Amino acid sequence: EGRQELRHDAVAVPLHATPMRLLAYLLKHRDR
């Protein structure tokens, strides 16, 4: 979340800023 970075097996996965924000939101609110 701090680096706004998605990694797969420790390798950064390219993802634009908007999908990254969406993924962050869904992860933080995964309980609902």
PDB file of all heavy atoms in Angstrom:
ATOM      1  N   GLU A   1       0.818  -1.213   0.000  1.00  0.00           N
ATOM      2  CA  GLU A   1       0.000   0.000   0.000  1.00  0.00           C
ATOM      3  C   GLU A   1       0.854   1.266   0.000  1.00  0.00           C
ATOM      4  O   GLU A   1       0.544   2.223  -0.708  1.00  0.00           O
ATOM      5  CB  GLU A   1      -0.912  -0.021   1.229  1.00  0.00           C
ATOM      6  CG  GLU A   1      -1.839   1.152   1.325  1.00  0.00           C
ATOM      7  CD  GLU A   1      -2.694   1.115   2.570  1.00  0.00           C
ATOM      8  OE1 GLU A   1      -2.306   0.511   3.589  1.00  0.00           O
ATOM      9  OE2 GLU A   1      -3.783   1.714   2.525  1.00  0.00           O
ATOM     10  N   GLY A   2       1.929   1.276   0.754  1.00  0.00           N
ATOM     11  CA  GLY A   2       2.786   2.454   0.834  1.00  0.00           C
ATOM     12  C   GLY A   2       3.477   2.767  -0.480  1.00  0.00           C
ATOM     13  O   GLY A   2       3.564   3.915  -0.897  1.00  0.00           O
ATOM     14  N   ARG A   3       3.949   1.747  -1.151  1.00  0.00           N
ATOM     15  CA  ARG A   3       4.637   1.926  -2.431  1.00  0.00           C
ATOM     16  C   ARG A   3       3.676   1.909  -3.615  1.00  0.00           C
ATOM     17  O   ARG A   3       4.082   2.163  -4.741  1.00  0.00           O
ATOM     18  CB  ARG A   3       5.668   0.812  -2.628  1.00  0.00           C
ATOM     19  CG  ARG A   3       6.844   0.916  -1.706  1.00  0.00           C
ATOM     20  CD  ARG A   3       7.910  -0.104  -2.103  1.00  0.00           C
ATOM     21  NE  ARG A   3       9.125   0.120  -1.367  1.00  0.00           N
ATOM     22  CZ  ARG A   3       9.454  -0.546  -0.264  1.00  0.00           C
ATOM     23  NH1 ARG A   3       8.673  -1.479   0.213  1.00  0.00           N
ATOM     24  NH2 ARG A   3      10.588  -0.284   0.354  1.00  0.00           N
ATOM     25  N   GLN A   4       2.412   1.555  -3.344  1.00  0.00           N
ATOM     26  CA  GLN A   4       1.429   1.391  -4.413  1.00  0.00           C
ATOM     27  C   GLN A   4       2.010   0.476  -5.490  1.00  0.00           C
ATOM     28  O   GLN A   4       2.106   0.826  -6.664  1.00  0.00           O
ATOM     29  CB  GLN A   4       1.025   2.745  -5.001  1.00  0.00           C
ATOM     30  CG  GLN A   4       0.109   3.533  -4.096  1.00  0.00           C
ATOM     31  CD  GLN A   4      -1.258   2.888  -3.943  1.00  0.00           C
ATOM     32  OE1 GLN A   4      -2.039   2.855  -4.879  1.00  0.00           O
ATOM     33  NE2 GLN A   4      -1.561   2.363  -2.760  1.00  0.00           N
ATOM     34  N   GLU A   5       2.397  -0.730  -5.028  1.00  0.00           N
ATOM     35  CA  GLU A   5       3.041  -1.677  -5.919  1.00  0.00           C
ATOM     36  C   GLU A   5       2.448  -3.071  -5.723  1.00  0.00           C
ATOM     37  O   GLU A   5       2.284  -3.532  -4.596  1.00  0.00           O
ATOM     38  CB  GLU A   5       4.541  -1.716  -5.621  1.00  0.00           C
ATOM     39  CG  GLU A   5       5.326  -2.645  -6.517  1.00  0.00           C
ATOM     40  CD  GLU A   5       6.810  -2.609  -6.223  1.00  0.00           C
ATOM     41  OE1 GLU A   5       7.216  -3.080  -5.139  1.00  0.00           O
ATOM     42  OE2 GLU A   5       7.547  -2.095  -7.075  1.00  0.00           O
ATOM     43  N   LEU A   6       2.159  -3.716  -6.830  1.00  0.00           N
ATOM     44  CA  LEU A   6       1.716  -5.103  -6.844  1.00  0.00           C
ATOM     45  C   LEU A   6       2.903  -5.947  -7.264  1.00  0.00           C
ATOM     46  O   LEU A   6       3.573  -5.618  -8.247  1.00  0.00           O
ATOM     47  CB  LEU A   6       0.551  -5.284  -7.822  1.00  0.00           C
ATOM     48  CG  LEU A   6       0.045  -6.709  -8.010  1.00  0.00           C
ATOM     49  CD1 LEU A   6      -0.564  -7.263  -6.717  1.00  0.00           C
ATOM     50  CD2 LEU A   6      -0.977  -6.757  -9.140  1.00  0.00           C
ATOM     51  N   ARG A   7       3.170  -7.016  -6.501  1.00  0.00           N
ATOM     52  CA  ARG A   7       4.276  -7.909  -6.834  1.00  0.00           C
ATOM     53  C   ARG A   7       3.763  -9.340  -6.946  1.00  0.00           C
ATOM     54  O   ARG A   7       2.886  -9.752  -6.195  1.00  0.00           O
ATOM     55  CB  ARG A   7       5.366  -7.841  -5.769  1.00  0.00           C
ATOM     56  CG  ARG A   7       6.048  -6.496  -5.667  1.00  0.00           C
ATOM     57  CD  ARG A   7       7.175  -6.478  -4.643  1.00  0.00           C
ATOM     58  NE  ARG A   7       6.704  -6.572  -3.278  1.00  0.00           N
ATOM     59  CZ  ARG A   7       6.488  -5.537  -2.475  1.00  0.00           C
ATOM     60  NH1 ARG A   7       6.676  -4.300  -2.924  1.00  0.00           N
ATOM     61  NH2 ARG A   7       6.073  -5.710  -1.241  1.00  0.00           N
ATOM     62  N   HIS A   8       4.349 -10.075  -7.875  1.00  0.00           N
ATOM     63  CA  HIS A   8       4.065 -11.505  -8.032  1.00  0.00           C
ATOM     64  C   HIS A   8       5.396 -12.221  -7.883  1.00  0.00           C
ATOM     65  O   HIS A   8       6.324 -11.956  -8.645  1.00  0.00           O
ATOM     66  CB  HIS A   8       3.439 -11.791  -9.404  1.00  0.00           C
ATOM     67  CG  HIS A   8       3.126 -13.227  -9.606  1.00  0.00           C
ATOM     68  ND1 HIS A   8       3.838 -14.011 -10.483  1.00  0.00           N
ATOM     69  CD2 HIS A   8       2.190 -14.026  -9.035  1.00  0.00           C
ATOM     70  CE1 HIS A   8       3.338 -15.232 -10.463  1.00  0.00           C
ATOM     71  NE2 HIS A   8       2.345 -15.267  -9.581  1.00  0.00           N
ATOM     72  N   ASP A   9       5.484 -13.095  -6.890  1.00  0.00           N
ATOM     73  CA  ASP A   9       6.761 -13.762  -6.589  1.00  0.00           C
ATOM     74  C   ASP A   9       7.894 -12.745  -6.496  1.00  0.00           C
ATOM     75  O   ASP A   9       8.972 -12.926  -7.066  1.00  0.00           O
ATOM     76  CB  ASP A   9       7.075 -14.836  -7.639  1.00  0.00           C
ATOM     77  CG  ASP A   9       6.113 -16.025  -7.554  1.00  0.00           C
ATOM     78  OD1 ASP A   9       5.626 -16.318  -6.441  1.00  0.00           O
ATOM     79  OD2 ASP A   9       5.852 -16.643  -8.593  1.00  0.00           O
ATOM     80  N   ALA A  10       7.652 -11.648  -5.802  1.00  0.00           N
ATOM     81  CA  ALA A  10       8.615 -10.577  -5.514  1.00  0.00           C
ATOM     82  C   ALA A  10       8.992  -9.728  -6.736  1.00  0.00           C
ATOM     83  O   ALA A  10       9.868  -8.870  -6.657  1.00  0.00           O
ATOM     84  CB  ALA A  10       9.875 -11.132  -4.839  1.00  0.00           C
ATOM     85  N   VAL A  11       8.334  -9.926  -7.859  1.00  0.00           N
ATOM     86  CA  VAL A  11       8.601  -9.142  -9.066  1.00  0.00           C
ATOM     87  C   VAL A  11       7.431  -8.178  -9.287  1.00  0.00           C
ATOM     88  O   VAL A  11       6.261  -8.596  -9.265  1.00  0.00           O
ATOM     89  CB  VAL A  11       8.772 -10.059 -10.300  1.00  0.00           C
ATOM     90  CG1 VAL A  11       8.960  -9.236 -11.567  1.00  0.00           C
ATOM     91  CG2 VAL A  11       9.937 -11.016 -10.102  1.00  0.00           C
ATOM     92  N   ALA A  12       7.738  -6.907  -9.493  1.00  0.00           N
ATOM     93  CA  ALA A  12       6.687  -5.898  -9.693  1.00  0.00           C
ATOM     94  C   ALA A  12       5.850  -6.221 -10.929  1.00  0.00           C
ATOM     95  O   ALA A  12       6.368  -6.604 -11.960  1.00  0.00           O
ATOM     96  CB  ALA A  12       7.311  -4.518  -9.845  1.00  0.00           C
ATOM     97  N   VAL A  13       4.541  -6.091 -10.752  1.00  0.00           N
ATOM     98  CA  VAL A  13       3.587  -6.313 -11.842  1.00  0.00           C
ATOM     99  C   VAL A  13       3.093  -4.947 -12.300  1.00  0.00           C
ATOM    100  O   VAL A  13       2.587  -4.173 -11.489  1.00  0.00           O
ATOM    101  CB  VAL A  13       2.383  -7.165 -11.352  1.00  0.00           C
ATOM    102  CG1 VAL A  13       1.348  -7.319 -12.445  1.00  0.00           C
ATOM    103  CG2 VAL A  13       2.852  -8.511 -10.840  1.00  0.00           C
ATOM    104  N   PRO A  14       3.255  -4.635 -13.594  1.00  0.00           N
ATOM    105  CA  PRO A  14       2.807  -3.319 -14.061  1.00  0.00           C
ATOM    106  C   PRO A  14       1.286  -3.187 -13.973  1.00  0.00           C
ATOM    107  O   PRO A  14       0.561  -4.064 -14.422  1.00  0.00           O
ATOM    108  CB  PRO A  14       3.296  -3.261 -15.508  1.00  0.00           C
ATOM    109  CG  PRO A  14       3.647  -4.641 -15.905  1.00  0.00           C
ATOM    110  CD  PRO A  14       3.832  -5.445 -14.659  1.00  0.00           C
ATOM    111  N   LEU A  15       0.851  -2.102 -13.356  1.00  0.00           N
ATOM    112  CA  LEU A  15      -0.573  -1.823 -13.225  1.00  0.00           C
ATOM    113  C   LEU A  15      -0.715  -0.310 -13.109  1.00  0.00           C
ATOM    114  O   LEU A  15      -0.026   0.322 -12.311  1.00  0.00           O
ATOM    115  CB  LEU A  15      -1.124  -2.529 -11.970  1.00  0.00           C
ATOM    116  CG  LEU A  15      -2.621  -2.647 -11.813  1.00  0.00           C
ATOM    117  CD1 LEU A  15      -3.249  -3.433 -12.970  1.00  0.00           C
ATOM    118  CD2 LEU A  15      -2.969  -3.334 -10.496  1.00  0.00           C
ATOM    119  N   HIS A  16      -1.588   0.271 -13.911  1.00  0.00           N
ATOM    120  CA  HIS A  16      -1.791   1.719 -13.897  1.00  0.00           C
ATOM    121  C   HIS A  16      -2.350   2.174 -12.551  1.00  0.00           C
ATOM    122  O   HIS A  16      -2.869   1.381 -11.767  1.00  0.00           O
ATOM    123  CB  HIS A  16      -2.729   2.142 -15.025  1.00  0.00           C
ATOM    124  CG  HIS A  16      -2.106   2.019 -16.377  1.00  0.00           C
ATOM    125  ND1 HIS A  16      -1.141   2.894 -16.835  1.00  0.00           N
ATOM    126  CD2 HIS A  16      -2.285   1.112 -17.360  1.00  0.00           C
ATOM    127  CE1 HIS A  16      -0.766   2.540 -18.039  1.00  0.00           C
ATOM    128  NE2 HIS A  16      -1.441   1.453 -18.390  1.00  0.00           N
ATOM    129  N   ALA A  17      -2.270   3.455 -12.308  1.00  0.00           N
ATOM    130  CA  ALA A  17      -2.639   4.050 -11.017  1.00  0.00           C
ATOM    131  C   ALA A  17      -4.092   3.789 -10.625  1.00  0.00           C
ATOM    132  O   ALA A  17      -4.379   3.461  -9.475  1.00  0.00           O
ATOM    133  CB  ALA A  17      -2.359   5.547 -11.030  1.00  0.00           C
ATOM    134  N   THR A  18      -5.023   3.934 -11.557  1.00  0.00           N
ATOM    135  CA  THR A  18      -6.433   3.765 -11.202  1.00  0.00           C
ATOM    136  C   THR A  18      -6.761   2.327 -10.807  1.00  0.00           C
ATOM    137  O   THR A  18      -7.358   2.113  -9.751  1.00  0.00           O
ATOM    138  CB  THR A  18      -7.348   4.254 -12.335  1.00  0.00           C
ATOM    139  OG1 THR A  18      -7.062   5.633 -12.583  1.00  0.00           O
ATOM    140  CG2 THR A  18      -8.809   4.115 -11.958  1.00  0.00           C
ATOM    141  N   PRO A  19      -6.379   1.320 -11.582  1.00  0.00           N
ATOM    142  CA  PRO A  19      -6.611  -0.050 -11.117  1.00  0.00           C
ATOM    143  C   PRO A  19      -5.902  -0.334  -9.785  1.00  0.00           C
ATOM    144  O   PRO A  19      -6.419  -1.064  -8.949  1.00  0.00           O
ATOM    145  CB  PRO A  19      -6.052  -0.923 -12.244  1.00  0.00           C
ATOM    146  CG  PRO A  19      -6.120  -0.069 -13.452  1.00  0.00           C
ATOM    147  CD  PRO A  19      -5.869   1.331 -12.959  1.00  0.00           C
ATOM    148  N   MET A  20      -4.735   0.286  -9.572  1.00  0.00           N
ATOM    149  CA  MET A  20      -4.006   0.110  -8.315  1.00  0.00           C
ATOM    150  C   MET A  20      -4.826   0.662  -7.143  1.00  0.00           C
ATOM    151  O   MET A  20      -4.932   0.032  -6.098  1.00  0.00           O
ATOM    152  CB  MET A  20      -2.657   0.822  -8.417  1.00  0.00           C
ATOM    153  CG  MET A  20      -1.663   0.405  -7.379  1.00  0.00           C
ATOM    154  SD  MET A  20      -0.886  -1.192  -7.700  1.00  0.00           S
ATOM    155  CE  MET A  20       0.229  -0.799  -9.023  1.00  0.00           C
ATOM    156  N   ARG A  21      -5.436   1.834  -7.321  1.00  0.00           N
ATOM    157  CA  ARG A  21      -6.288   2.411  -6.264  1.00  0.00           C
ATOM    158  C   ARG A  21      -7.511   1.534  -6.014  1.00  0.00           C
ATOM    159  O   ARG A  21      -7.931   1.344  -4.871  1.00  0.00           O
ATOM    160  CB  ARG A  21      -6.735   3.831  -6.645  1.00  0.00           C
ATOM    161  CG  ARG A  21      -5.652   4.877  -6.511  1.00  0.00           C
ATOM    162  CD  ARG A  21      -6.205   6.302  -6.573  1.00  0.00           C
ATOM    163  NE  ARG A  21      -7.106   6.560  -7.694  1.00  0.00           N
ATOM    164  CZ  ARG A  21      -6.729   6.976  -8.892  1.00  0.00           C
ATOM    165  NH1 ARG A  21      -5.457   7.181  -9.152  1.00  0.00           N
ATOM    166  NH2 ARG A  21      -7.617   7.210  -9.828  1.00  0.00           N
ATOM    167  N   LEU A  22      -8.076   0.996  -7.088  1.00  0.00           N
ATOM    168  CA  LEU A  22      -9.238   0.116  -6.954  1.00  0.00           C
ATOM    169  C   LEU A  22      -8.853  -1.158  -6.203  1.00  0.00           C
ATOM    170  O   LEU A  22      -9.568  -1.574  -5.284  1.00  0.00           O
ATOM    171  CB  LEU A  22      -9.808  -0.220  -8.331  1.00  0.00           C
ATOM    172  CG  LEU A  22     -10.984  -1.189  -8.373  1.00  0.00           C
ATOM    173  CD1 LEU A  22     -12.161  -0.684  -7.544  1.00  0.00           C
ATOM    174  CD2 LEU A  22     -11.414  -1.421  -9.821  1.00  0.00           C
ATOM    175  N   LEU A  23      -7.733  -1.755  -6.547  1.00  0.00           N
ATOM    176  CA  LEU A  23      -7.274  -2.948  -5.846  1.00  0.00           C
ATOM    177  C   LEU A  23      -7.039  -2.648  -4.367  1.00  0.00           C
ATOM    178  O   LEU A  23      -7.468  -3.415  -3.496  1.00  0.00           O
ATOM    179  CB  LEU A  23      -5.985  -3.479  -6.489  1.00  0.00           C
ATOM    180  CG  LEU A  23      -5.339  -4.696  -5.820  1.00  0.00           C
ATOM    181  CD1 LEU A  23      -6.303  -5.881  -5.769  1.00  0.00           C
ATOM    182  CD2 LEU A  23      -4.054  -5.069  -6.533  1.00  0.00           C
ATOM    183  N   ALA A  24      -6.411  -1.529  -4.075  1.00  0.00           N
ATOM    184  CA  ALA A  24      -6.170  -1.135  -2.683  1.00  0.00           C
ATOM    185  C   ALA A  24      -7.490  -1.013  -1.924  1.00  0.00           C
ATOM    186  O   ALA A  24      -7.620  -1.507  -0.800  1.00  0.00           O
ATOM    187  CB  ALA A  24      -5.398   0.180  -2.628  1.00  0.00           C
ATOM    188  N   TYR A  25      -8.472  -0.369  -2.531  1.00  0.00           N
ATOM    189  CA  TYR A  25      -9.765  -0.191  -1.870  1.00  0.00           C
ATOM    190  C   TYR A  25     -10.435  -1.538  -1.602  1.00  0.00           C
ATOM    191  O   TYR A  25     -10.937  -1.786  -0.504  1.00  0.00           O
ATOM    192  CB  TYR A  25     -10.680   0.713  -2.707  1.00  0.00           C
ATOM    193  CG  TYR A  25     -11.878   1.175  -1.920  1.00  0.00           C
ATOM    194  CD1 TYR A  25     -11.817   2.321  -1.136  1.00  0.00           C
ATOM    195  CD2 TYR A  25     -13.063   0.439  -1.924  1.00  0.00           C
ATOM    196  CE1 TYR A  25     -12.901   2.731  -0.380  1.00  0.00           C
ATOM    197  CE2 TYR A  25     -14.151   0.846  -1.174  1.00  0.00           C
ATOM    198  CZ  TYR A  25     -14.061   1.987  -0.403  1.00  0.00           C
ATOM    199  OH  TYR A  25     -15.143   2.382   0.363  1.00  0.00           O
ATOM    200  N   LEU A  26     -10.427  -2.409  -2.595  1.00  0.00           N
ATOM    201  CA  LEU A  26     -11.059  -3.722  -2.420  1.00  0.00           C
ATOM    202  C   LEU A  26     -10.340  -4.547  -1.359  1.00  0.00           C
ATOM    203  O   LEU A  26     -10.991  -5.244  -0.570  1.00  0.00           O
ATOM    204  CB  LEU A  26     -11.109  -4.469  -3.750  1.00  0.00           C
ATOM    205  CG  LEU A  26     -12.093  -3.907  -4.774  1.00  0.00           C
ATOM    206  CD1 LEU A  26     -11.879  -4.558  -6.137  1.00  0.00           C
ATOM    207  CD2 LEU A  26     -13.532  -4.092  -4.312  1.00  0.00           C
ATOM    208  N   LEU A  27      -9.023  -4.485  -1.320  1.00  0.00           N
ATOM    209  CA  LEU A  27      -8.277  -5.223  -0.296  1.00  0.00           C
ATOM    210  C   LEU A  27      -8.581  -4.697   1.105  1.00  0.00           C
ATOM    211  O   LEU A  27      -8.789  -5.468   2.035  1.00  0.00           O
ATOM    212  CB  LEU A  27      -6.771  -5.136  -0.570  1.00  0.00           C
ATOM    213  CG  LEU A  27      -6.243  -6.047  -1.666  1.00  0.00           C
ATOM    214  CD1 LEU A  27      -4.841  -5.625  -2.089  1.00  0.00           C
ATOM    215  CD2 LEU A  27      -6.253  -7.506  -1.210  1.00  0.00           C
ATOM    216  N   LYS A  28      -8.624  -3.382   1.244  1.00  0.00           N
ATOM    217  CA  LYS A  28      -8.884  -2.783   2.560  1.00  0.00           C
ATOM    218  C   LYS A  28     -10.312  -3.029   3.039  1.00  0.00           C
ATOM    219  O   LYS A  28     -10.572  -3.003   4.232  1.00  0.00           O
ATOM    220  CB  LYS A  28      -8.590  -1.290   2.537  1.00  0.00           C
ATOM    221  CG  LYS A  28      -7.101  -1.001   2.468  1.00  0.00           C
ATOM    222  CD  LYS A  28      -6.806   0.463   2.678  1.00  0.00           C
ATOM    223  CE  LYS A  28      -6.767   1.180   1.367  1.00  0.00           C
ATOM    224  NZ  LYS A  28      -6.320   2.575   1.474  1.00  0.00           N
ATOM    225  N   HIS A  29     -11.238  -3.278   2.107  1.00  0.00           N
ATOM    226  CA  HIS A  29     -12.640  -3.483   2.462  1.00  0.00           C
ATOM    227  C   HIS A  29     -13.097  -4.901   2.104  1.00  0.00           C
ATOM    228  O   HIS A  29     -14.257  -5.124   1.783  1.00  0.00           O
ATOM    229  CB  HIS A  29     -13.508  -2.432   1.768  1.00  0.00           C
ATOM    230  CG  HIS A  29     -13.172  -1.050   2.207  1.00  0.00           C
ATOM    231  ND1 HIS A  29     -12.230  -0.281   1.557  1.00  0.00           N
ATOM    232  CD2 HIS A  29     -13.606  -0.317   3.247  1.00  0.00           C
ATOM    233  CE1 HIS A  29     -12.116   0.876   2.194  1.00  0.00           C
ATOM    234  NE2 HIS A  29     -12.934   0.882   3.215  1.00  0.00           N
ATOM    235  N   ARG A  30     -12.182  -5.842   2.171  1.00  0.00           N
ATOM    236  CA  ARG A  30     -12.462  -7.215   1.739  1.00  0.00           C
ATOM    237  C   ARG A  30     -13.468  -7.940   2.630  1.00  0.00           C
ATOM    238  O   ARG A  30     -13.990  -8.973   2.261  1.00  0.00           O
ATOM    239  CB  ARG A  30     -11.164  -8.014   1.642  1.00  0.00           C
ATOM    240  CG  ARG A  30     -10.473  -8.224   2.967  1.00  0.00           C
ATOM    241  CD  ARG A  30      -9.075  -8.801   2.771  1.00  0.00           C
ATOM    242  NE  ARG A  30      -8.387  -8.964   4.037  1.00  0.00           N
ATOM    243  CZ  ARG A  30      -7.737  -8.001   4.671  1.00  0.00           C
ATOM    244  NH1 ARG A  30      -7.698  -6.783   4.156  1.00  0.00           N
ATOM    245  NH2 ARG A  30      -7.129  -8.235   5.820  1.00  0.00           N
ATOM    246  N   ASP A  31     -13.759  -7.379   3.777  1.00  0.00           N
ATOM    247  CA  ASP A  31     -14.713  -7.999   4.695  1.00  0.00           C
ATOM    248  C   ASP A  31     -16.170  -7.778   4.281  1.00  0.00           C
ATOM    249  O   ASP A  31     -17.080  -8.294   4.921  1.00  0.00           O
ATOM    250  CB  ASP A  31     -14.499  -7.460   6.112  1.00  0.00           C
ATOM    251  CG  ASP A  31     -14.699  -5.950   6.199  1.00  0.00           C
ATOM    252  OD1 ASP A  31     -14.376  -5.249   5.203  1.00  0.00           O
ATOM    253  OD2 ASP A  31     -15.151  -5.473   7.243  1.00  0.00           O
ATOM    254  N   ARG A  32     -16.384  -7.047   3.198  1.00  0.00           N
ATOM    255  CA  ARG A  32     -17.764  -6.761   2.775  1.00  0.00           C
ATOM    256  C   ARG A  32     -17.844  -6.576   1.270  1.00  0.00           C
ATOM    257  O   ARG A  32     -16.842  -6.368   0.602  1.00  0.00           O
ATOM    258  CB  ARG A  32     -18.282  -5.503   3.468  1.00  0.00           C
ATOM    259  CG  ARG A  32     -17.510  -4.249   3.084  1.00  0.00           C
ATOM    260  CD  ARG A  32     -17.994  -3.040   3.888  1.00  0.00           C
ATOM    261  NE  ARG A  32     -17.210  -1.867   3.594  1.00  0.00           N
ATOM    262  CZ  ARG A  32     -17.485  -0.983   2.649  1.00  0.00           C
ATOM    263  NH1 ARG A  32     -18.550  -1.135   1.890  1.00  0.00           N
ATOM    264  NH2 ARG A  32     -16.730   0.068   2.461  1.00  0.00           N
TER     265      ARG A  32
END
